[in-house]
Amino acid sequence: VFSFQTVPSFLAVPHLTPCSLPTGAAGACRVTVTQPRFQEADSSSNVSLPCAFSASGCSSSPPEVLWFRFLSNTHQDLCTPGCADHQKYKVHSSENNILLEIKDLTVDDNAVYICGIAFSDSDSPLSKQTGDGTVLMVTGKQHSNGELILMITASSLLFLYTSAVLTSFVVYKKKMPPPTQNVALNQNILNNLQKINSGRKIFQAIAQELQKQRYAQNCQQPVSIHPQYLNL
């Protein structure tokens, strides 16, 4: 059963000083990210997961490329942007095309892989986006077609469920509006869950948080977590 305790700690909202707030020049920056829905590969082989993006109104600086994945009940950072396991994962970039290379596949690599693109010099919410995610299925001779279909279906449903729960958490962790606006807020939450655009919203929160922390460090201001989030 998914629990909010599995949400990464850096999703908590910090208190920022004025100098830590970014003032990006590329305010109209807009990013679109595309990923294939499914990819299948053999056990013990290598695979490259593609990710393509387009950008308009953004700066000429190269964007940050982030990869993470969802397993059955947890989230893992893979490359944000540096890869945690250089022997297992490697990111290849060529203009607007990104590849995540995963080596020596095992069944433990079955997951939903999310690619994110962030132009850190822009404060536009649309400058930090993700694709819809790629369901990677590592197969072997022991799997029948029926088993593969079942695994793909289960992975897809798991991704939708996990994304919906994480989106709900991201929305509720923000400062609540006055009581007169609570009804409208609840309706917006339901609409967001129904649209299942959770991956993009999750990544925006992650990328913006990383960016705010970087600005805070440049200003030599400590980043603190509000006490109400310490017990999540």
Protein backbone atom coordinates (compact mmCIF):
# COMPACT_ATOMS: atom_id res chain seq x y z
CA VAL A 1 0.00 0.00 0.00
CA PHE A 2 1.41 3.36 -0.99
CA SER A 3 2.19 5.68 1.89
CA PHE A 4 3.05 9.37 1.97
CA GLN A 5 6.18 8.37 3.89
CA THR A 6 7.63 7.17 0.57
CA VAL A 7 7.54 10.67 -0.92
CA PRO A 8 11.06 12.14 -1.26
CA SER A 9 11.92 14.58 1.52
CA PHE A 10 12.98 17.29 -0.92
CA LEU A 11 9.33 17.74 -1.94
CA ALA A 12 8.83 19.64 1.35
CA VAL A 13 8.43 23.39 0.88
CA PRO A 14 11.34 25.46 2.27
CA HIS A 15 11.18 28.97 3.67
CA LEU A 16 13.11 31.23 1.30
CA THR A 17 14.66 34.62 1.79
CA PRO A 18 14.13 37.30 -0.89
CA CYS A 19 17.60 36.76 -2.34
CA SER A 20 16.86 33.09 -2.95
CA LEU A 21 13.91 33.71 -5.24
CA PRO A 22 14.92 33.26 -8.92
CA THR A 23 14.17 36.02 -11.40
CA GLY A 24 14.58 34.16 -14.67
CA ALA A 25 14.74 36.26 -17.81
CA ALA A 26 13.08 33.60 -19.94
CA GLY A 27 9.65 34.03 -18.39
CA ALA A 28 7.82 32.81 -21.52
CA CYS A 29 9.86 29.61 -21.77
CA ARG A 30 7.74 26.59 -22.74
CA VAL A 31 8.94 22.97 -22.88
CA THR A 32 7.29 19.85 -24.29
CA VAL A 33 8.67 16.38 -23.54
CA THR A 34 7.85 13.17 -25.42
CA GLN A 35 8.56 9.58 -24.37
CA PRO A 36 7.46 6.23 -25.83
CA ARG A 37 4.80 4.55 -23.70
CA PHE A 38 6.35 1.06 -23.61
CA GLN A 39 9.74 -0.51 -24.27
CA GLU A 40 10.73 -4.16 -24.03
CA ALA A 41 14.25 -5.57 -23.63
CA ASP A 42 15.87 -8.91 -22.88
CA SER A 43 17.37 -9.76 -19.52
CA SER A 44 21.18 -9.29 -19.27
CA SER A 45 21.17 -6.90 -22.24
CA ASN A 46 21.50 -3.10 -22.41
CA VAL A 47 18.68 -0.75 -23.36
CA SER A 48 18.43 2.95 -24.23
CA LEU A 49 15.22 4.77 -23.33
CA PRO A 50 14.60 7.76 -25.64
CA CYS A 51 13.31 11.16 -24.59
CA ALA A 52 12.74 14.06 -26.99
CA PHE A 53 11.91 17.65 -26.10
CA SER A 54 11.12 20.93 -27.80
CA ALA A 55 11.53 24.38 -26.30
CA SER A 56 10.21 27.79 -27.30
CA GLY A 57 10.98 31.15 -25.74
CA CYS A 58 13.77 29.62 -23.65
CA SER A 59 17.38 30.69 -23.25
CA SER A 60 20.18 29.24 -25.37
CA SER A 61 21.71 27.58 -22.31
CA PRO A 62 21.38 23.79 -22.27
CA PRO A 63 18.65 22.57 -19.92
CA GLU A 64 19.04 20.20 -17.01
CA VAL A 65 18.06 16.62 -17.80
CA LEU A 66 16.66 14.53 -14.95
CA TRP A 67 15.68 10.87 -14.88
CA PHE A 68 13.81 9.07 -12.13
CA ARG A 69 11.58 6.02 -11.89
CA PHE A 70 8.59 4.63 -10.02
CA LEU A 71 8.65 1.10 -8.63
CA SER A 72 5.78 -0.67 -6.86
CA ASN A 73 5.73 1.62 -3.83
CA THR A 74 8.68 3.97 -4.02
CA HIS A 75 10.39 6.64 -6.11
CA GLN A 76 14.07 6.55 -7.10
CA ASP A 77 16.32 9.32 -8.40
CA LEU A 78 18.49 7.96 -11.21
CA CYS A 79 20.21 10.99 -12.76
CA THR A 80 19.39 14.43 -11.28
CA PRO A 81 21.35 15.42 -13.31
CA GLY A 82 24.38 13.34 -12.28
CA CYS A 83 23.73 9.60 -12.20
CA ALA A 84 23.84 7.95 -8.79
CA ASP A 85 25.14 4.67 -10.28
CA HIS A 86 27.51 5.43 -13.15
CA GLN A 87 28.07 1.75 -13.91
CA LYS A 88 24.34 1.09 -14.29
CA TYR A 89 23.05 4.31 -15.87
CA LYS A 90 24.40 6.78 -18.41
CA VAL A 91 22.72 9.76 -20.10
CA HIS A 92 23.47 10.59 -23.75
CA SER A 93 22.41 13.96 -25.19
CA SER A 94 22.29 15.11 -28.81
CA GLU A 95 20.55 18.44 -29.34
CA ASN A 96 16.91 17.83 -28.35
CA ASN A 97 17.19 14.05 -28.07
CA ILE A 98 18.10 12.33 -24.81
CA LEU A 99 18.86 8.67 -24.14
CA LEU A 100 19.03 6.92 -20.79
CA GLU A 101 21.24 3.86 -21.16
CA ILE A 102 20.58 1.08 -18.66
CA LYS A 103 23.14 -1.72 -18.56
CA ASP A 104 22.91 -5.41 -17.64
CA LEU A 105 19.13 -5.55 -17.29
CA THR A 106 17.40 -7.70 -14.70
CA VAL A 107 13.76 -8.10 -13.68
CA ASP A 108 14.46 -5.54 -10.94
CA ASP A 109 14.66 -2.90 -13.69
CA ASN A 110 10.95 -3.26 -14.49
CA ALA A 111 9.58 0.21 -13.70
CA VAL A 112 8.14 3.42 -15.12
CA TYR A 113 10.98 5.73 -16.21
CA ILE A 114 10.31 9.48 -16.21
CA CYS A 115 12.38 11.99 -18.20
CA GLY A 116 12.36 15.64 -17.12
CA ILE A 117 13.69 18.78 -18.78
CA ALA A 118 14.29 22.00 -16.81
CA PHE A 119 15.51 25.43 -17.93
CA SER A 120 16.72 26.65 -14.54
CA ASP A 121 17.11 30.28 -15.63
CA SER A 122 13.36 30.62 -16.22
CA ASP A 123 10.68 31.07 -13.57
CA SER A 124 7.92 29.95 -15.94
CA PRO A 125 6.09 26.81 -14.70
CA LEU A 126 6.13 25.50 -18.28
CA SER A 127 9.94 25.61 -18.39
CA LYS A 128 10.13 22.45 -16.25
CA GLN A 129 8.26 19.51 -17.73
CA THR A 130 8.30 15.71 -17.94
CA GLY A 131 7.17 13.13 -20.42
CA ASP A 132 4.37 10.68 -19.68
CA GLY A 133 6.88 7.99 -18.72
CA THR A 134 8.10 4.79 -20.37
CA VAL A 135 7.10 1.40 -18.96
CA LEU A 136 10.21 -0.80 -19.28
CA MET A 137 9.56 -4.54 -19.42
CA VAL A 138 12.59 -6.81 -18.99
CA THR A 139 11.71 -10.19 -20.47
CA GLY A 140 13.21 -13.64 -20.60
CA LYS A 141 12.40 -16.96 -22.21
CA GLN A 142 10.38 -17.97 -19.18
CA HIS A 143 7.70 -15.32 -19.82
CA SER A 144 4.68 -16.07 -21.97
CA ASN A 145 2.82 -13.43 -23.99
CA GLY A 146 -0.04 -13.53 -21.48
CA GLU A 147 2.33 -12.84 -18.59
CA LEU A 148 3.91 -9.92 -20.47
CA ILE A 149 0.53 -8.34 -21.15
CA LEU A 150 -0.41 -8.74 -17.49
CA MET A 151 2.87 -7.15 -16.34
CA ILE A 152 2.48 -4.21 -18.73
CA THR A 153 -1.09 -3.60 -17.59
CA ALA A 154 -0.12 -3.83 -13.92
CA SER A 155 2.80 -1.42 -14.41
CA SER A 156 0.59 1.09 -16.20
CA LEU A 157 -2.07 1.00 -13.49
CA LEU A 158 0.61 1.29 -10.82
CA PHE A 159 2.09 4.35 -12.52
CA LEU A 160 -1.28 6.07 -12.73
CA TYR A 161 -2.09 5.31 -9.08
CA THR A 162 1.31 6.40 -7.76
CA SER A 163 1.29 9.59 -9.84
CA ALA A 164 -2.21 10.48 -8.64
CA VAL A 165 -1.29 10.04 -4.97
CA LEU A 166 1.92 12.06 -5.35
CA THR A 167 0.06 14.87 -7.12
CA SER A 168 -2.47 14.99 -4.28
CA PHE A 169 0.40 15.31 -1.80
CA VAL A 170 2.10 18.11 -3.78
CA VAL A 171 -1.16 20.07 -3.96
CA TYR A 172 -1.95 19.73 -0.25
CA LYS A 173 1.55 20.69 0.90
CA LYS A 174 1.07 24.16 -0.53
CA LYS A 175 -0.33 26.96 1.63
CA MET A 176 -4.08 26.52 1.96
CA PRO A 177 -6.32 29.42 0.78
CA PRO A 178 -9.08 31.04 2.89
CA PRO A 179 -12.03 28.77 3.80
CA THR A 180 -14.25 30.38 1.15
CA GLN A 181 -11.93 28.94 -1.52
CA ASN A 182 -11.74 25.39 -0.13
CA VAL A 183 -14.62 24.09 -2.28
CA ALA A 184 -12.98 25.34 -5.47
CA LEU A 185 -9.61 23.90 -4.40
CA ASN A 186 -11.09 20.46 -3.76
CA GLN A 187 -12.74 20.50 -7.18
CA ASN A 188 -9.43 21.45 -8.82
CA ILE A 189 -7.72 18.55 -7.06
CA LEU A 190 -10.31 16.11 -8.36
CA ASN A 191 -9.96 17.49 -11.89
CA ASN A 192 -6.18 17.13 -11.75
CA LEU A 193 -6.43 13.53 -10.59
CA GLN A 194 -8.86 12.70 -13.36
CA LYS A 195 -6.55 14.16 -16.01
CA ILE A 196 -3.62 12.03 -14.75
CA ASN A 197 -1.05 14.71 -15.60
CA SER A 198 0.72 13.92 -12.36
CA GLY A 199 4.18 13.23 -13.71
CA ARG A 200 4.59 16.76 -15.03
CA LYS A 201 3.35 18.33 -11.79
CA ILE A 202 5.63 16.15 -9.69
CA PHE A 203 8.66 17.05 -11.77
CA GLN A 204 7.86 20.76 -11.68
CA ALA A 205 7.80 20.61 -7.88
CA ILE A 206 11.08 18.68 -7.82
CA ALA A 207 12.88 20.92 -10.31
CA GLN A 208 11.64 24.13 -8.69
CA GLU A 209 12.69 22.88 -5.26
CA LEU A 210 16.19 22.00 -6.50
CA GLN A 211 16.45 25.40 -8.15
CA LYS A 212 15.35 27.24 -4.99
CA GLN A 213 17.83 25.29 -2.88
CA ARG A 214 20.63 26.19 -5.30
CA TYR A 215 19.74 29.89 -5.08
CA ALA A 216 19.61 29.65 -1.30
CA GLN A 217 23.11 28.13 -1.22
CA ASN A 218 24.46 30.88 -3.51
CA CYS A 219 23.13 33.47 -1.07
CA GLN A 220 24.58 31.52 1.85
CA GLN A 221 21.14 31.27 3.39
CA PRO A 222 20.17 28.04 5.15
CA VAL A 223 17.17 26.22 3.73
CA SER A 224 14.83 25.15 6.51
CA ILE A 225 11.79 22.91 6.47
CA HIS A 226 8.60 24.17 8.04
CA PRO A 227 7.91 22.22 11.29
CA GLN A 228 4.55 21.01 10.00
CA TYR A 229 6.34 18.84 7.37
CA LEU A 230 8.83 17.18 9.72
CA ASN A 231 6.35 14.51 10.81
CA LEU A 232 5.25 13.45 7.29
